[in-house]
Amino acid sequence: MLGLPESDHNFASRENFRRIYRNPAPDDLYLAAPVQPYRMNERLTIQQGLFLCANNPLMGFHRCLKRLLIHGQQRHGPGIEWLHKITMPPESRLHVLKALNKMNINAATLFPGLDGFARSLRTSTQMLDEADWPPLGHLSF
């Protein structure tokens, strides 16, 4: 698909990165592939994430990923059924944040430093405030 030699599928090499992401992409080449940042910082190290980069900024990341999966499906590989989007209603926010916090996934662990701590403190305060308030139908004066 990319025209790279069989022995060279390293997207992190500077030469391949320039070839895939900086040169104009052919009209039929849409790619979202894992990349390794050239420079790491504390946040990137802690999050241990997988970074995907689309090769055609005019198409957008989601469209490039979808086109890549359609291409794979046509060749009997991973297909569009691997792509899922999860949308959660706003009222479930605090419930999801509580569940993530139990797994030690919060702003303080993802964003080390004062700003991550402050975000985590704000969220913790919101969760405590919600727990202290009775449902509206149970108010008595």
Protein backbone atom coordinates (compact mmCIF):
# COMPACT_ATOMS: atom_id res chain seq x y z
CA MET A 1 0.00 0.00 0.00
CA LEU A 2 2.81 2.41 0.87
CA GLY A 3 5.36 1.09 -1.56
CA LEU A 4 7.94 0.54 1.17
CA PRO A 5 10.43 -2.32 0.88
CA GLU A 6 9.32 -5.46 2.77
CA SER A 7 12.25 -5.09 5.16
CA ASP A 8 11.42 -1.45 6.04
CA HIS A 9 8.05 -0.99 7.75
CA ASN A 10 9.42 1.38 10.37
CA PHE A 11 7.11 4.40 10.40
CA ALA A 12 9.33 6.08 13.00
CA SER A 13 12.35 6.44 10.72
CA ARG A 14 12.75 10.05 9.59
CA GLU A 15 12.94 9.06 5.92
CA ASN A 16 9.71 7.01 5.99
CA PHE A 17 7.95 9.64 8.11
CA ARG A 18 8.78 12.35 5.56
CA ARG A 19 7.76 10.10 2.68
CA ILE A 20 4.40 9.17 4.22
CA TYR A 21 3.36 12.30 6.11
CA ARG A 22 5.14 15.30 4.59
CA ASN A 23 4.98 14.56 0.88
CA PRO A 24 1.63 15.06 -0.84
CA ALA A 25 -0.34 11.83 -0.54
CA PRO A 26 -1.73 10.16 -3.65
CA ASP A 27 -5.49 10.61 -3.96
CA ASP A 28 -6.15 6.99 -3.04
CA LEU A 29 -3.72 6.71 -0.10
CA TYR A 30 -5.32 7.36 3.26
CA LEU A 31 -3.42 6.18 6.27
CA ALA A 32 -3.60 6.38 10.06
CA ALA A 33 -0.51 4.68 11.43
CA PRO A 34 1.31 4.53 14.76
CA VAL A 35 4.13 7.02 15.17
CA GLN A 36 6.72 7.50 17.88
CA PRO A 37 7.32 11.16 18.81
CA TYR A 38 10.86 12.37 18.19
CA ARG A 39 10.92 13.99 21.63
CA MET A 40 9.40 12.47 24.74
CA ASN A 41 8.31 14.33 27.83
CA GLU A 42 7.05 13.29 31.26
CA ARG A 43 3.40 13.15 30.20
CA LEU A 44 4.04 11.02 27.14
CA THR A 45 6.11 8.59 29.17
CA ILE A 46 3.47 8.22 31.90
CA GLN A 47 0.48 7.87 29.57
CA GLN A 48 2.10 5.08 27.55
CA GLY A 49 -0.29 5.78 24.70
CA LEU A 50 -0.25 4.74 21.09
CA PHE A 51 -0.16 7.77 18.82
CA LEU A 52 -1.85 7.49 15.45
CA CYS A 53 -1.18 10.06 12.78
CA ALA A 54 -3.22 10.60 9.61
CA ASN A 55 -1.25 11.25 6.43
CA ASN A 56 -3.82 13.55 4.84
CA PRO A 57 -4.74 16.52 7.05
CA LEU A 58 -7.37 17.70 4.56
CA MET A 59 -9.31 14.44 5.00
CA GLY A 60 -9.21 14.38 8.80
CA PHE A 61 -8.14 11.60 11.12
CA HIS A 62 -11.44 9.68 11.31
CA ARG A 63 -11.92 9.60 7.54
CA CYS A 64 -8.32 8.42 6.97
CA LEU A 65 -8.72 5.67 9.56
CA LYS A 66 -12.02 4.56 8.05
CA ARG A 67 -10.56 4.48 4.53
CA LEU A 68 -7.57 2.46 5.81
CA LEU A 69 -9.90 -0.11 7.40
CA ILE A 70 -12.00 -0.34 4.24
CA HIS A 71 -8.77 -0.98 2.31
CA GLY A 72 -7.84 -3.73 4.80
CA GLN A 73 -11.29 -5.30 4.58
CA GLN A 74 -11.02 -5.50 0.79
CA ARG A 75 -7.80 -7.47 1.27
CA HIS A 76 -9.37 -9.79 3.90
CA GLY A 77 -7.60 -8.08 6.81
CA PRO A 78 -8.91 -5.95 9.67
CA GLY A 79 -11.94 -4.09 8.44
CA ILE A 80 -14.36 -1.36 9.27
CA GLU A 81 -16.00 -3.55 11.94
CA TRP A 82 -12.91 -2.83 14.08
CA LEU A 83 -13.86 0.86 14.27
CA HIS A 84 -16.16 1.78 17.14
CA LYS A 85 -17.21 5.14 18.47
CA ILE A 86 -18.51 5.29 22.02
CA THR A 87 -20.73 8.24 22.86
CA MET A 88 -21.81 8.76 26.44
CA PRO A 89 -24.60 11.02 27.65
CA PRO A 90 -23.43 14.05 29.65
CA GLU A 91 -25.34 12.93 32.74
CA SER A 92 -23.09 9.85 33.03
CA ARG A 93 -19.93 11.98 33.32
CA LEU A 94 -19.43 11.76 37.08
CA HIS A 95 -20.27 8.04 37.17
CA VAL A 96 -17.63 7.33 34.50
CA LEU A 97 -15.07 9.57 36.22
CA LYS A 98 -15.64 7.70 39.50
CA ALA A 99 -15.10 4.34 37.79
CA LEU A 100 -11.91 5.59 36.10
CA ASN A 101 -10.67 7.05 39.39
CA LYS A 102 -11.04 3.63 41.05
CA MET A 103 -8.65 2.32 38.37
CA ASN A 104 -6.24 5.19 39.15
CA ILE A 105 -6.98 6.89 35.85
CA ASN A 106 -7.45 10.57 36.58
CA ALA A 107 -5.98 13.95 35.73
CA ALA A 108 -3.32 13.69 38.45
CA THR A 109 -1.91 10.42 37.06
CA LEU A 110 -2.24 11.36 33.38
CA PHE A 111 -0.94 14.92 33.69
CA PRO A 112 1.80 15.09 36.32
CA GLY A 113 2.44 18.46 37.86
CA LEU A 114 0.38 21.21 39.41
CA ASP A 115 -2.14 21.53 36.56
CA GLY A 116 -2.99 17.80 36.63
CA PHE A 117 -3.31 17.88 40.40
CA ALA A 118 -5.61 20.92 40.18
CA ARG A 119 -7.82 19.24 37.55
CA SER A 120 -8.00 16.09 39.65
CA LEU A 121 -8.89 18.10 42.76
CA ARG A 122 -11.68 19.91 40.89
CA THR A 123 -13.12 16.60 39.65
CA SER A 124 -12.87 15.01 43.11
CA THR A 125 -14.71 17.99 44.59
CA GLN A 126 -17.45 17.64 41.97
CA MET A 127 -17.82 13.93 42.79
CA LEU A 128 -18.00 14.67 46.54
CA ASP A 129 -20.53 17.46 46.00
CA GLU A 130 -22.75 15.16 43.95
CA ALA A 131 -22.59 12.43 46.61
CA ASP A 132 -23.57 14.85 49.38
CA TRP A 133 -26.67 16.19 47.64
CA PRO A 134 -29.89 14.18 47.91
CA PRO A 135 -32.00 13.67 44.77
CA LEU A 136 -34.33 16.61 44.04
CA GLY A 137 -37.44 14.63 44.95
CA HIS A 138 -36.12 13.99 48.48
CA LEU A 139 -35.56 17.55 49.64
CA SER A 140 -37.27 18.57 52.85
CA PHE A 141 -37.29 21.96 54.53
